[in-house]
PDB file of N, CA and C in Angstrom:
ATOM      1  N   UNK A   1      50.625  75.032  85.871  1.00  0.00           N
ATOM      2  CA  UNK A   1      51.310  76.262  86.093  1.00  0.00           C
ATOM      3  C   UNK A   1      50.406  77.344  86.594  1.00  0.00           C
ATOM      4  N   UNK A   2      49.197  77.485  86.128  1.00  0.00           N
ATOM      5  CA  UNK A   2      48.206  78.401  86.550  1.00  0.00           C
ATOM      6  C   UNK A   2      47.991  78.321  88.107  1.00  0.00           C
ATOM      7  N   UNK A   3      47.849  77.053  88.538  1.00  0.00           N
ATOM      8  CA  UNK A   3      47.526  76.852  89.896  1.00  0.00           C
ATOM      9  C   UNK A   3      48.602  77.348  90.806  1.00  0.00           C
ATOM     10  N   UNK A   4      49.843  77.037  90.454  1.00  0.00           N
ATOM     11  CA  UNK A   4      50.986  77.477  91.271  1.00  0.00           C
ATOM     12  C   UNK A   4      51.042  79.037  91.374  1.00  0.00           C
ATOM     13  N   UNK A   5      50.831  79.697  90.222  1.00  0.00           N
ATOM     14  CA  UNK A   5      50.831  81.178  90.209  1.00  0.00           C
ATOM     15  C   UNK A   5      49.692  81.702  91.113  1.00  0.00           C
ATOM     16  N   UNK A   6      48.543  81.062  91.059  1.00  0.00           N
ATOM     17  CA  UNK A   6      47.449  81.519  91.916  1.00  0.00           C
ATOM     18  C   UNK A   6      47.767  81.266  93.446  1.00  0.00           C
ATOM     19  N   UNK A   7      48.365  80.215  93.813  1.00  0.00           N
ATOM     20  CA  UNK A   7      48.828  79.920  95.067  1.00  0.00           C
ATOM     21  C   UNK A   7      49.851  81.025  95.634  1.00  0.00           C
ATOM     22  N   UNK A   8      50.680  81.311  94.734  1.00  0.00           N
ATOM     23  CA  UNK A   8      51.743  82.326  95.046  1.00  0.00           C
ATOM     24  C   UNK A   8      51.103  83.672  95.277  1.00  0.00           C
ATOM     25  N   UNK A   9      50.160  84.049  94.423  1.00  0.00           N
ATOM     26  CA  UNK A   9      49.451  85.349  94.594  1.00  0.00           C
ATOM     27  C   UNK A   9      48.677  85.457  95.907  1.00  0.00           C
ATOM     28  N   UNK A  10      47.947  84.371  96.224  1.00  0.00           N
ATOM     29  CA  UNK A  10      47.223  84.300  97.483  1.00  0.00           C
ATOM     30  C   UNK A  10      48.145  84.432  98.700  1.00  0.00           C
ATOM     31  N   UNK A  11      49.300  83.738  98.661  1.00  0.00           N
ATOM     32  CA  UNK A  11      50.323  83.768  99.709  1.00  0.00           C
ATOM     33  C   UNK A  11      50.847  85.171  99.823  1.00  0.00           C
ATOM     34  N   UNK A  12      51.225  85.827  98.662  1.00  0.00           N
ATOM     35  CA  UNK A  12      51.764  87.111  98.758  1.00  0.00           C
ATOM     36  C   UNK A  12      50.723  88.070  99.486  1.00  0.00           C
ATOM     37  N   UNK A  13      49.512  87.992  99.159  1.00  0.00           N
ATOM     38  CA  UNK A  13      48.520  88.808  99.820  1.00  0.00           C
ATOM     39  C   UNK A  13      48.422  88.567 101.303  1.00  0.00           C
ATOM     40  N   UNK A  14      48.471  87.325 101.761  1.00  0.00           N
ATOM     41  CA  UNK A  14      48.503  86.947 103.083  1.00  0.00           C
ATOM     42  C   UNK A  14      49.707  87.470 103.887  1.00  0.00           C
ATOM     43  N   UNK A  15      50.819  87.271 103.259  1.00  0.00           N
ATOM     44  CA  UNK A  15      52.071  87.740 103.911  1.00  0.00           C
ATOM     45  C   UNK A  15      52.091  89.237 104.042  1.00  0.00           C
ATOM     46  N   UNK A  16      51.817  89.972 103.033  1.00  0.00           N
ATOM     47  CA  UNK A  16      51.897  91.412 103.043  1.00  0.00           C
ATOM     48  C   UNK A  16      50.886  91.931 104.078  1.00  0.00           C
ATOM     49  N   UNK A  17      49.655  91.280 104.247  1.00  0.00           N
ATOM     50  CA  UNK A  17      48.666  91.711 105.222  1.00  0.00           C
ATOM     51  C   UNK A  17      49.215  91.428 106.643  1.00  0.00           C
ATOM     52  N   UNK A  18      49.887  90.240 106.843  1.00  0.00           N
ATOM     53  CA  UNK A  18      50.358  89.924 108.168  1.00  0.00           C
ATOM     54  C   UNK A  18      51.525  90.879 108.555  1.00  0.00           C
ATOM     55  N   UNK A  19      52.361  91.143 107.574  1.00  0.00           N
ATOM     56  CA  UNK A  19      53.488  92.158 107.867  1.00  0.00           C
ATOM     57  C   UNK A  19      52.920  93.526 108.267  1.00  0.00           C
ATOM     58  N   UNK A  20      52.045  93.982 107.463  1.00  0.00           N
ATOM     59  CA  UNK A  20      51.467  95.322 107.708  1.00  0.00           C
ATOM     60  C   UNK A  20      50.837  95.346 109.112  1.00  0.00           C
ATOM     61  N   UNK A  21      50.142  94.359 109.451  1.00  0.00           N
ATOM     62  CA  UNK A  21      49.439  94.272 110.724  1.00  0.00           C
ATOM     63  C   UNK A  21      50.447  94.144 111.819  1.00  0.00           C
ATOM     64  N   UNK A  22      51.382  93.183 111.761  1.00  0.00           N
ATOM     65  CA  UNK A  22      52.404  92.959 112.812  1.00  0.00           C
ATOM     66  C   UNK A  22      53.285  94.224 113.097  1.00  0.00           C
ATOM     67  N   UNK A  23      53.660  94.860 112.022  1.00  0.00           N
ATOM     68  CA  UNK A  23      54.576  95.985 112.191  1.00  0.00           C
ATOM     69  C   UNK A  23      53.891  97.342 112.204  1.00  0.00           C
ATOM     70  N   UNK A  24      52.507  97.260 112.144  1.00  0.00           N
ATOM     71  CA  UNK A  24      51.774  98.489 112.122  1.00  0.00           C
ATOM     72  C   UNK A  24      52.205  99.526 111.081  1.00  0.00           C
ATOM     73  N   UNK A  25      52.438  99.054 109.848  1.00  0.00           N
ATOM     74  CA  UNK A  25      52.820  99.889 108.765  1.00  0.00           C
ATOM     75  C   UNK A  25      51.865  99.832 107.680  1.00  0.00           C
ATOM     76  N   UNK A  26      52.000 100.810 106.755  1.00  0.00           N
ATOM     77  CA  UNK A  26      51.044 100.886 105.647  1.00  0.00           C
ATOM     78  C   UNK A  26      51.219  99.703 104.717  1.00  0.00           C
ATOM     79  N   UNK A  27      50.175  99.381 103.989  1.00  0.00           N
ATOM     80  CA  UNK A  27      50.194  98.244 103.100  1.00  0.00           C
ATOM     81  C   UNK A  27      51.303  98.336 102.027  1.00  0.00           C
ATOM     82  N   UNK A  28      51.448  99.536 101.488  1.00  0.00           N
ATOM     83  CA  UNK A  28      52.452  99.684 100.414  1.00  0.00           C
ATOM     84  C   UNK A  28      53.826  99.522 100.970  1.00  0.00           C
ATOM     85  N   UNK A  29      54.062  99.962 102.204  1.00  0.00           N
ATOM     86  CA  UNK A  29      55.422  99.807 102.829  1.00  0.00           C
ATOM     87  C   UNK A  29      55.668  98.330 103.100  1.00  0.00           C
ATOM     88  N   UNK A  30      54.685  97.549 103.480  1.00  0.00           N
ATOM     89  CA  UNK A  30      54.753  96.109 103.649  1.00  0.00           C
ATOM     90  C   UNK A  30      55.081  95.441 102.333  1.00  0.00           C
ATOM     91  N   UNK A  31      54.385  95.841 101.320  1.00  0.00           N
ATOM     92  CA  UNK A  31      54.567  95.280  99.961  1.00  0.00           C
ATOM     93  C   UNK A  31      56.041  95.505  99.605  1.00  0.00           C
ATOM     94  N   UNK A  32      56.591  96.713  99.793  1.00  0.00           N
ATOM     95  CA  UNK A  32      57.975  97.051  99.377  1.00  0.00           C
ATOM     96  C   UNK A  32      58.956  96.166 100.134  1.00  0.00           C
ATOM     97  N   UNK A  33      58.719  96.000 101.483  1.00  0.00           N
ATOM     98  CA  UNK A  33      59.635  95.102 102.232  1.00  0.00           C
ATOM     99  C   UNK A  33      59.606  93.734 101.692  1.00  0.00           C
ATOM    100  N   UNK A  34      58.421  93.175 101.458  1.00  0.00           N
ATOM    101  CA  UNK A  34      58.311  91.786 101.073  1.00  0.00           C
ATOM    102  C   UNK A  34      58.852  91.588  99.610  1.00  0.00           C
ATOM    103  N   UNK A  35      58.468  92.467  98.780  1.00  0.00           N
ATOM    104  CA  UNK A  35      58.939  92.367  97.329  1.00  0.00           C
ATOM    105  C   UNK A  35      60.543  92.444  97.230  1.00  0.00           C
ATOM    106  N   UNK A  36      61.162  93.088  98.104  1.00  0.00           N
ATOM    107  CA  UNK A  36      62.601  93.302  98.091  1.00  0.00           C
ATOM    108  C   UNK A  36      63.331  92.287  98.925  1.00  0.00           C
ATOM    109  N   UNK A  37      62.675  91.207  99.374  1.00  0.00           N
ATOM    110  CA  UNK A  37      63.234  90.220 100.200  1.00  0.00           C
ATOM    111  C   UNK A  37      63.730  88.943  99.437  1.00  0.00           C
ATOM    112  N   UNK A  38      64.643  88.275  99.987  1.00  0.00           N
ATOM    113  CA  UNK A  38      65.097  86.955  99.426  1.00  0.00           C
ATOM    114  C   UNK A  38      63.965  85.936  99.554  1.00  0.00           C
ATOM    115  N   UNK A  39      63.114  86.063 100.554  1.00  0.00           N
ATOM    116  CA  UNK A  39      61.931  85.108 100.633  1.00  0.00           C
ATOM    117  C   UNK A  39      61.079  85.254  99.484  1.00  0.00           C
ATOM    118  N   UNK A  40      60.767  86.490  99.090  1.00  0.00           N
ATOM    119  CA  UNK A  40      59.915  86.708  97.890  1.00  0.00           C
ATOM    120  C   UNK A  40      60.538  86.088  96.673  1.00  0.00           C
ATOM    121  N   UNK A  41      61.851  86.273  96.503  1.00  0.00           N
ATOM    122  CA  UNK A  41      62.537  85.727  95.350  1.00  0.00           C
ATOM    123  C   UNK A  41      62.447  84.214  95.322  1.00  0.00           C
ATOM    124  N   UNK A  42      62.597  83.584  96.486  1.00  0.00           N
ATOM    125  CA  UNK A  42      62.538  82.126  96.583  1.00  0.00           C
ATOM    126  C   UNK A  42      61.056  81.681  96.315  1.00  0.00           C
ATOM    127  N   UNK A  43      60.088  82.420  96.864  1.00  0.00           N
ATOM    128  CA  UNK A  43      58.732  82.141  96.582  1.00  0.00           C
ATOM    129  C   UNK A  43      58.383  82.137  95.087  1.00  0.00           C
ATOM    130  N   UNK A  44      58.896  83.026  94.355  1.00  0.00           N
ATOM    131  CA  UNK A  44      58.692  83.151  92.908  1.00  0.00           C
ATOM    132  C   UNK A  44      59.310  81.983  92.136  1.00  0.00           C
ATOM    133  N   UNK A  45      60.394  81.394  92.687  1.00  0.00           N
ATOM    134  CA  UNK A  45      61.020  80.262  92.085  1.00  0.00           C
ATOM    135  C   UNK A  45      60.286  79.010  92.425  1.00  0.00           C
ATOM    136  N   UNK A  46      59.405  78.481  91.431  1.00  0.00           N
ATOM    137  CA  UNK A  46      58.576  77.393  91.691  1.00  0.00           C
ATOM    138  C   UNK A  46      59.283  76.110  92.021  1.00  0.00           C
ATOM    139  N   UNK A  47      60.529  76.055  91.643  1.00  0.00           N
ATOM    140  CA  UNK A  47      61.378  74.840  91.872  1.00  0.00           C
ATOM    141  C   UNK A  47      61.658  74.667  93.363  1.00  0.00           C
ATOM    142  N   UNK A  48      61.616  75.764  94.172  1.00  0.00           N
ATOM    143  CA  UNK A  48      61.836  75.630  95.558  1.00  0.00           C
ATOM    144  C   UNK A  48      60.787  74.962  96.318  1.00  0.00           C
ATOM    145  N   UNK A  49      59.549  75.057  95.746  1.00  0.00           N
ATOM    146  CA  UNK A  49      58.358  74.467  96.366  1.00  0.00           C
ATOM    147  C   UNK A  49      57.862  75.227  97.558  1.00  0.00           C
ATOM    148  N   UNK A  50      58.350  76.420  97.727  1.00  0.00           N
ATOM    149  CA  UNK A  50      57.965  77.252  98.873  1.00  0.00           C
ATOM    150  C   UNK A  50      56.556  77.576  98.770  1.00  0.00           C
ATOM    151  N   UNK A  51      55.956  77.686  97.636  1.00  0.00           N
ATOM    152  CA  UNK A  51      54.586  78.082  97.472  1.00  0.00           C
ATOM    153  C   UNK A  51      53.629  76.966  98.032  1.00  0.00           C
ATOM    154  N   UNK A  52      54.145  75.766  98.309  1.00  0.00           N
ATOM    155  CA  UNK A  52      53.391  74.733  98.833  1.00  0.00           C
ATOM    156  C   UNK A  52      53.269  74.699 100.407  1.00  0.00           C
ATOM    157  N   UNK A  53      54.078  75.597 101.016  1.00  0.00           N
ATOM    158  CA  UNK A  53      54.091  75.760 102.379  1.00  0.00           C
ATOM    159  C   UNK A  53      52.923  76.680 102.835  1.00  0.00           C
ATOM    160  N   UNK A  54      52.705  76.767 104.120  1.00  0.00           N
ATOM    161  CA  UNK A  54      51.590  77.674 104.604  1.00  0.00           C
ATOM    162  C   UNK A  54      52.160  79.162 104.556  1.00  0.00           C
ATOM    163  N   UNK A  55      51.171  80.024 104.517  1.00  0.00           N
ATOM    164  CA  UNK A  55      51.589  81.419 104.462  1.00  0.00           C
ATOM    165  C   UNK A  55      52.320  81.780 105.808  1.00  0.00           C
ATOM    166  N   UNK A  56      51.787  81.252 106.924  1.00  0.00           N
ATOM    167  CA  UNK A  56      52.450  81.393 108.207  1.00  0.00           C
ATOM    168  C   UNK A  56      53.948  81.039 108.254  1.00  0.00           C
ATOM    169  N   UNK A  57      54.230  79.830 107.594  1.00  0.00           N
ATOM    170  CA  UNK A  57      55.591  79.304 107.609  1.00  0.00           C
ATOM    171  C   UNK A  57      56.506  80.310 106.731  1.00  0.00           C
ATOM    172  N   UNK A  58      56.015  80.730 105.612  1.00  0.00           N
ATOM    173  CA  UNK A  58      56.749  81.650 104.749  1.00  0.00           C
ATOM    174  C   UNK A  58      56.906  82.981 105.476  1.00  0.00           C
ATOM    175  N   UNK A  59      55.834  83.410 106.218  1.00  0.00           N
ATOM    176  CA  UNK A  59      55.974  84.675 106.926  1.00  0.00           C
ATOM    177  C   UNK A  59      57.003  84.605 108.004  1.00  0.00           C
ATOM    178  N   UNK A  60      57.139  83.452 108.610  1.00  0.00           N
ATOM    179  CA  UNK A  60      58.234  83.240 109.676  1.00  0.00           C
ATOM    180  C   UNK A  60      59.578  83.368 109.064  1.00  0.00           C
ATOM    181  N   UNK A  61      59.706  82.825 107.785  1.00  0.00           N
ATOM    182  CA  UNK A  61      61.007  82.904 107.164  1.00  0.00           C
ATOM    183  C   UNK A  61      61.336  84.397 106.863  1.00  0.00           C
ATOM    184  N   UNK A  62      60.267  85.133 106.471  1.00  0.00           N
ATOM    185  CA  UNK A  62      60.488  86.589 106.177  1.00  0.00           C
ATOM    186  C   UNK A  62      60.851  87.337 107.497  1.00  0.00           C
ATOM    187  N   UNK A  63      60.107  87.028 108.590  1.00  0.00           N
ATOM    188  CA  UNK A  63      60.551  87.731 109.814  1.00  0.00           C
ATOM    189  C   UNK A  63      61.995  87.436 110.200  1.00  0.00           C
ATOM    190  N   UNK A  64      62.410  86.195 110.026  1.00  0.00           N
ATOM    191  CA  UNK A  64      63.789  85.919 110.301  1.00  0.00           C
ATOM    192  C   UNK A  64      64.749  86.702 109.439  1.00  0.00           C
ATOM    193  N   UNK A  65      64.469  86.772 108.166  1.00  0.00           N
ATOM    194  CA  UNK A  65      65.182  87.589 107.242  1.00  0.00           C
ATOM    195  C   UNK A  65      65.300  88.982 107.589  1.00  0.00           C
ATOM    196  N   UNK A  66      64.110  89.590 107.986  1.00  0.00           N
ATOM    197  CA  UNK A  66      64.106  90.987 108.367  1.00  0.00           C
ATOM    198  C   UNK A  66      64.865  91.206 109.671  1.00  0.00           C
ATOM    199  N   UNK A  67      64.768  90.235 110.565  1.00  0.00           N
ATOM    200  CA  UNK A  67      65.462  90.362 111.912  1.00  0.00           C
ATOM    201  C   UNK A  67      67.006  90.104 111.779  1.00  0.00           C
ATOM    202  N   UNK A  68      67.400  89.048 110.998  1.00  0.00           N
ATOM    203  CA  UNK A  68      68.712  88.612 111.038  1.00  0.00           C
ATOM    204  C   UNK A  68      69.547  88.940 109.696  1.00  0.00           C
ATOM    205  N   UNK A  69      68.812  89.429 108.745  1.00  0.00           N
ATOM    206  CA  UNK A  69      69.524  89.818 107.465  1.00  0.00           C
ATOM    207  C   UNK A  69      69.580  88.640 106.513  1.00  0.00           C
ATOM    208  N   UNK A  70      69.043  87.418 106.888  1.00  0.00           N
ATOM    209  CA  UNK A  70      69.161  86.284 105.936  1.00  0.00           C
ATOM    210  C   UNK A  70      68.053  85.328 106.444  1.00  0.00           C
ATOM    211  N   UNK A  71      67.718  84.381 105.578  1.00  0.00           N
ATOM    212  CA  UNK A  71      66.755  83.353 105.899  1.00  0.00           C
ATOM    213  C   UNK A  71      67.299  82.365 106.806  1.00  0.00           C
ATOM    214  N   UNK A  72      66.592  82.059 107.906  1.00  0.00           N
ATOM    215  CA  UNK A  72      66.976  81.128 108.869  1.00  0.00           C
ATOM    216  C   UNK A  72      65.981  79.896 108.894  1.00  0.00           C
ATOM    217  N   UNK A  73      66.477  78.724 108.626  1.00  0.00           N
ATOM    218  CA  UNK A  73      65.601  77.556 108.693  1.00  0.00           C
ATOM    219  C   UNK A  73      66.057  76.659 109.828  1.00  0.00           C
ATOM    220  N   UNK A  74      65.183  76.316 110.715  1.00  0.00           N
ATOM    221  CA  UNK A  74      65.548  75.535 111.827  1.00  0.00           C
ATOM    222  C   UNK A  74      65.817  74.054 111.349  1.00  0.00           C
ATOM    223  N   UNK A  75      66.835  73.464 111.982  1.00  0.00           N
ATOM    224  CA  UNK A  75      67.187  72.011 111.705  1.00  0.00           C
ATOM    225  C   UNK A  75      66.130  71.101 112.264  1.00  0.00           C
ATOM    226  N   UNK A  76      65.810  70.164 111.518  1.00  0.00           N
ATOM    227  CA  UNK A  76      64.850  69.188 112.040  1.00  0.00           C
ATOM    228  C   UNK A  76      65.546  67.959 112.610  1.00  0.00           C
TER     229      UNK A  76
END
């Protein structure tokens, strides 16, 4: 359980940093956007396994949610 929590924390830091950089916004504003997203909620739910994906993948899900209002996953 501890390892999953640590992976999630590292991913949160990565994603907030990417969001702040890409949107040229303050770190606290990026944190607010991410913490209030569906992607953040799903990342916190360890049963989704989202924490096992790369930070870039999860960030792409967040960008889709911010652009389209919902999470978009491409069909494989």
